[in-house]
Amino acid sequence: MNAITTLNGTTATITVRGDIDLDTLPPLRAAADALPARVTGLRWDLNCTCFMDVAGLHLLFAPTPPGRPDRRISVTGLRPQPLRLLRLAEETNPATFRLDRLLYGSM
């Protein structure tokens, strides 16, 4: 797994190349945690992510830890399997896993 971070004003894009699973979750979280406080929008570009397990749900829907800035989270480039996982999570618990917020965030 490889992740590339780009900044554009107050928006950051983290492009993930590879699967998102329990092994890759910590470095992805670290990449998001390392963003400057001025970043208010975080876009996850998953064009090169063919597989995502429940770790991806933790990455995309984790509550903001105390003392960290709130960020609008969005996702782009969802491949079929990660999209199926997100849809299943939303069907199972729509109050927690709001796919429309990720796909149509105001970024």
Protein backbone atom coordinates (compact mmCIF):
# COMPACT_ATOMS: atom_id res chain seq x y z
CA MET A 1 0.00 0.00 0.00
CA ASN A 2 1.19 3.47 -0.89
CA ALA A 3 -0.51 6.77 -0.03
CA ILE A 4 0.19 10.15 -1.57
CA THR A 5 -1.03 13.32 0.14
CA THR A 6 -1.68 16.54 -1.78
CA LEU A 7 -2.81 19.85 -0.32
CA ASN A 8 -4.90 22.45 -2.09
CA GLY A 9 -5.78 25.30 0.24
CA THR A 10 -7.89 23.91 3.06
CA THR A 11 -8.53 20.59 1.29
CA ALA A 12 -6.25 17.57 1.35
CA THR A 13 -6.47 14.54 -0.91
CA ILE A 14 -4.95 11.26 0.15
CA THR A 15 -4.59 8.92 -2.82
CA VAL A 16 -4.41 5.29 -1.74
CA ARG A 17 -2.71 2.76 -3.99
CA GLY A 18 -3.49 -0.71 -2.69
CA ASP A 19 -5.88 -2.47 -0.36
CA ILE A 20 -7.27 -1.02 2.86
CA ASP A 21 -7.19 -3.58 5.65
CA LEU A 22 -6.07 -3.94 9.26
CA ASP A 23 -2.39 -3.76 8.25
CA THR A 24 -2.74 -0.59 6.19
CA LEU A 25 -5.15 1.24 8.52
CA PRO A 26 -2.48 2.64 10.91
CA PRO A 27 -0.35 4.33 8.21
CA LEU A 28 -3.48 5.76 6.56
CA ARG A 29 -4.68 7.17 9.87
CA ALA A 30 -1.20 8.56 10.46
CA ALA A 31 -1.31 10.31 7.07
CA ALA A 32 -4.64 11.93 7.96
CA ASP A 33 -3.44 12.83 11.48
CA ALA A 34 -0.34 14.51 10.04
CA LEU A 35 -2.39 17.03 8.05
CA PRO A 36 -2.10 20.66 9.14
CA ALA A 37 -4.86 22.03 11.38
CA ARG A 38 -5.93 24.43 8.59
CA VAL A 39 -7.18 21.47 6.52
CA THR A 40 -10.97 21.37 6.86
CA GLY A 41 -11.73 18.92 4.05
CA LEU A 42 -10.23 15.48 3.49
CA ARG A 43 -10.84 13.59 0.28
CA TRP A 44 -9.85 9.91 0.05
CA ASP A 45 -9.06 9.00 -3.56
CA LEU A 46 -9.64 5.24 -3.88
CA ASN A 47 -9.25 4.86 -7.67
CA CYS A 48 -6.41 2.38 -7.10
CA THR A 49 -8.02 0.51 -4.20
CA CYS A 50 -9.64 -2.73 -5.34
CA PHE A 51 -10.27 -4.20 -1.87
CA MET A 52 -11.35 -2.70 1.42
CA ASP A 53 -12.43 -4.60 4.53
CA VAL A 54 -14.02 -3.30 7.74
CA ALA A 55 -10.84 -1.29 8.40
CA GLY A 56 -12.00 1.02 5.61
CA LEU A 57 -15.20 1.71 7.54
CA HIS A 58 -13.11 2.64 10.57
CA LEU A 59 -11.00 4.93 8.40
CA LEU A 60 -13.87 6.72 6.68
CA PHE A 61 -16.38 6.92 9.54
CA ALA A 62 -14.21 7.29 12.65
CA PRO A 63 -15.32 10.04 15.00
CA THR A 64 -12.95 12.97 15.34
CA PRO A 65 -10.69 12.46 18.37
CA PRO A 66 -10.82 15.18 21.03
CA GLY A 67 -8.45 18.05 20.34
CA ARG A 68 -8.37 17.44 16.57
CA PRO A 69 -10.08 19.66 14.00
CA ASP A 70 -13.35 18.46 12.47
CA ARG A 71 -12.95 17.71 8.78
CA ARG A 72 -15.46 17.06 6.02
CA ILE A 73 -14.63 13.61 4.71
CA SER A 74 -15.39 12.57 1.15
CA VAL A 75 -14.35 9.71 -1.07
CA THR A 76 -13.79 9.50 -4.81
CA GLY A 77 -12.98 6.71 -7.22
CA LEU A 78 -14.80 3.91 -5.46
CA ARG A 79 -14.21 0.57 -7.15
CA PRO A 80 -16.94 -2.13 -7.09
CA GLN A 81 -15.88 -4.04 -3.95
CA PRO A 82 -15.31 -1.03 -1.66
CA LEU A 83 -18.59 0.47 -2.90
CA ARG A 84 -20.43 -2.79 -2.11
CA LEU A 85 -18.96 -2.76 1.40
CA LEU A 86 -20.07 0.83 1.99
CA ARG A 87 -23.56 0.11 0.68
CA LEU A 88 -23.87 -2.98 2.89
CA ALA A 89 -22.74 -0.99 5.92
CA GLU A 90 -25.29 1.72 5.12
CA GLU A 91 -28.08 -0.84 4.73
CA THR A 92 -27.13 -2.44 8.05
CA ASN A 93 -26.80 0.80 10.01
CA PRO A 94 -27.89 3.89 8.03
CA ALA A 95 -27.56 6.23 11.00
CA THR A 96 -23.84 5.49 11.34
CA PHE A 97 -22.77 4.79 7.75
CA ARG A 98 -24.15 7.62 5.60
CA LEU A 99 -22.75 6.97 2.13
CA ASP A 100 -24.35 10.14 0.75
CA ARG A 101 -22.15 12.23 3.06
CA LEU A 102 -19.00 10.61 1.70
CA LEU A 103 -19.98 10.78 -1.95
CA TYR A 104 -21.59 14.19 -1.99
CA GLY A 105 -19.62 16.11 0.62
CA SER A 106 -19.38 19.83 0.04
CA MET A 107 -15.77 19.87 -1.05
